Amino acid sequence: MAKLSDRVDRLESLLGQFIVNTDVALRRLEASLYLSDEIVKYLTKKRIYAIALRDDTMDLLNFEKINK
């Protein structure tokens, strides 16, 4: 989990370096073949989309919770 937290911190600093166009929103995401429930909860708390393999396709695991 510490490595994921470090990646999230680096992503935050990286996004701050982009010139933000008000017409386009940047979306943060973490993708893997498998994401545990603990990681999905952490990503949801940080408002980062979690994408993982489910059956034979990639699926957004926390889309509904982030877009409430």
C-alpha atoms as a PDB file:
ATOM      1  CA  MET A   1       0.000   0.000   0.000  1.00  0.00           C
ATOM      2  CA  ALA A   2       2.949   2.328   0.608  1.00  0.00           C
ATOM      3  CA  LYS A   3       4.045   2.023  -3.026  1.00  0.00           C
ATOM      4  CA  LEU A   4       0.533   2.917  -4.175  1.00  0.00           C
ATOM      5  CA  SER A   5       0.496   5.913  -1.862  1.00  0.00           C
ATOM      6  CA  ASP A   6       3.824   7.065  -3.326  1.00  0.00           C
ATOM      7  CA  ARG A   7       2.409   6.746  -6.873  1.00  0.00           C
ATOM      8  CA  VAL A   8      -0.646   8.788  -5.880  1.00  0.00           C
ATOM      9  CA  ASP A   9       1.594  11.520  -4.449  1.00  0.00           C
ATOM     10  CA  ARG A  10       3.708  11.600  -7.624  1.00  0.00           C
ATOM     11  CA  LEU A  11       0.564  11.761  -9.738  1.00  0.00           C
ATOM     12  CA  GLU A  12      -0.687  14.767  -7.759  1.00  0.00           C
ATOM     13  CA  SER A  13       2.558  16.650  -8.340  1.00  0.00           C
ATOM     14  CA  LEU A  14       2.594  15.663 -12.026  1.00  0.00           C
ATOM     15  CA  LEU A  15      -0.962  16.906 -12.578  1.00  0.00           C
ATOM     16  CA  GLY A  16       0.013  20.246 -11.053  1.00  0.00           C
ATOM     17  CA  GLN A  17       2.543  20.724 -13.865  1.00  0.00           C
ATOM     18  CA  PHE A  18      -0.046  20.508 -16.666  1.00  0.00           C
ATOM     19  CA  ILE A  19      -1.655  23.584 -18.103  1.00  0.00           C
ATOM     20  CA  VAL A  20      -5.289  22.981 -17.267  1.00  0.00           C
ATOM     21  CA  ASN A  21      -7.785  23.566 -20.042  1.00  0.00           C
ATOM     22  CA  THR A  22     -11.133  24.355 -18.427  1.00  0.00           C
ATOM     23  CA  ASP A  23     -12.976  22.435 -21.167  1.00  0.00           C
ATOM     24  CA  VAL A  24     -11.145  19.158 -20.506  1.00  0.00           C
ATOM     25  CA  ALA A  25     -10.959  17.321 -17.203  1.00  0.00           C
ATOM     26  CA  LEU A  26      -8.026  15.004 -16.460  1.00  0.00           C
ATOM     27  CA  ARG A  27      -9.110  11.714 -14.882  1.00  0.00           C
ATOM     28  CA  ARG A  28      -6.830   9.744 -12.604  1.00  0.00           C
ATOM     29  CA  LEU A  29      -6.878   5.957 -12.777  1.00  0.00           C
ATOM     30  CA  GLU A  30      -5.052   2.892 -11.553  1.00  0.00           C
ATOM     31  CA  ALA A  31      -5.244  -0.200 -13.750  1.00  0.00           C
ATOM     32  CA  SER A  32      -4.118  -3.739 -13.035  1.00  0.00           C
ATOM     33  CA  LEU A  33      -5.097  -7.317 -13.719  1.00  0.00           C
ATOM     34  CA  TYR A  34      -6.194  -7.576 -10.066  1.00  0.00           C
ATOM     35  CA  LEU A  35      -6.974  -4.942  -7.429  1.00  0.00           C
ATOM     36  CA  SER A  36      -7.885  -6.003  -3.902  1.00  0.00           C
ATOM     37  CA  ASP A  37     -10.924  -4.539  -2.132  1.00  0.00           C
ATOM     38  CA  GLU A  38      -8.562  -2.622   0.166  1.00  0.00           C
ATOM     39  CA  ILE A  39      -6.854  -0.933  -2.782  1.00  0.00           C
ATOM     40  CA  VAL A  40     -10.189  -0.124  -4.463  1.00  0.00           C
ATOM     41  CA  LYS A  41     -11.418   1.518  -1.232  1.00  0.00           C
ATOM     42  CA  TYR A  42      -8.205   3.553  -0.989  1.00  0.00           C
ATOM     43  CA  LEU A  43      -8.443   4.662  -4.613  1.00  0.00           C
ATOM     44  CA  THR A  44     -12.107   5.575  -4.198  1.00  0.00           C
ATOM     45  CA  LYS A  45     -11.260   7.679  -1.150  1.00  0.00           C
ATOM     46  CA  LYS A  46      -8.661   9.528  -3.275  1.00  0.00           C
ATOM     47  CA  ARG A  47     -11.220   9.805  -6.163  1.00  0.00           C
ATOM     48  CA  ILE A  48      -9.053   7.703  -8.483  1.00  0.00           C
ATOM     49  CA  TYR A  49     -10.743   5.254 -10.840  1.00  0.00           C
ATOM     50  CA  ALA A  50      -9.874   1.584 -10.270  1.00  0.00           C
ATOM     51  CA  ILE A  51      -9.744  -0.591 -13.395  1.00  0.00           C
ATOM     52  CA  ALA A  52      -9.132  -4.345 -13.215  1.00  0.00           C
ATOM     53  CA  LEU A  53      -9.797  -7.535 -15.120  1.00  0.00           C
ATOM     54  CA  ARG A  54     -13.212  -9.030 -14.446  1.00  0.00           C
ATOM     55  CA  ASP A  55     -14.239 -12.140 -16.387  1.00  0.00           C
ATOM     56  CA  ASP A  56     -12.625 -11.439 -19.761  1.00  0.00           C
ATOM     57  CA  THR A  57     -12.805  -7.620 -19.913  1.00  0.00           C
ATOM     58  CA  MET A  58     -11.391  -4.679 -18.017  1.00  0.00           C
ATOM     59  CA  ASP A  59     -13.980  -3.106 -15.718  1.00  0.00           C
ATOM     60  CA  LEU A  60     -14.246   0.160 -13.780  1.00  0.00           C
ATOM     61  CA  LEU A  61     -14.656  -1.101 -10.212  1.00  0.00           C
ATOM     62  CA  ASN A  62     -15.575   2.139  -8.452  1.00  0.00           C
ATOM     63  CA  PHE A  63     -17.262   4.226 -11.154  1.00  0.00           C
ATOM     64  CA  GLU A  64     -20.599   4.557  -9.332  1.00  0.00           C
ATOM     65  CA  LYS A  65     -19.023   5.554  -6.019  1.00  0.00           C
ATOM     66  CA  ILE A  66     -16.854   8.280  -7.556  1.00  0.00           C
ATOM     67  CA  ASN A  67     -19.637   9.703  -9.746  1.00  0.00           C
ATOM     68  CA  LYS A  68     -22.258  10.165  -7.005  1.00  0.00           C
END
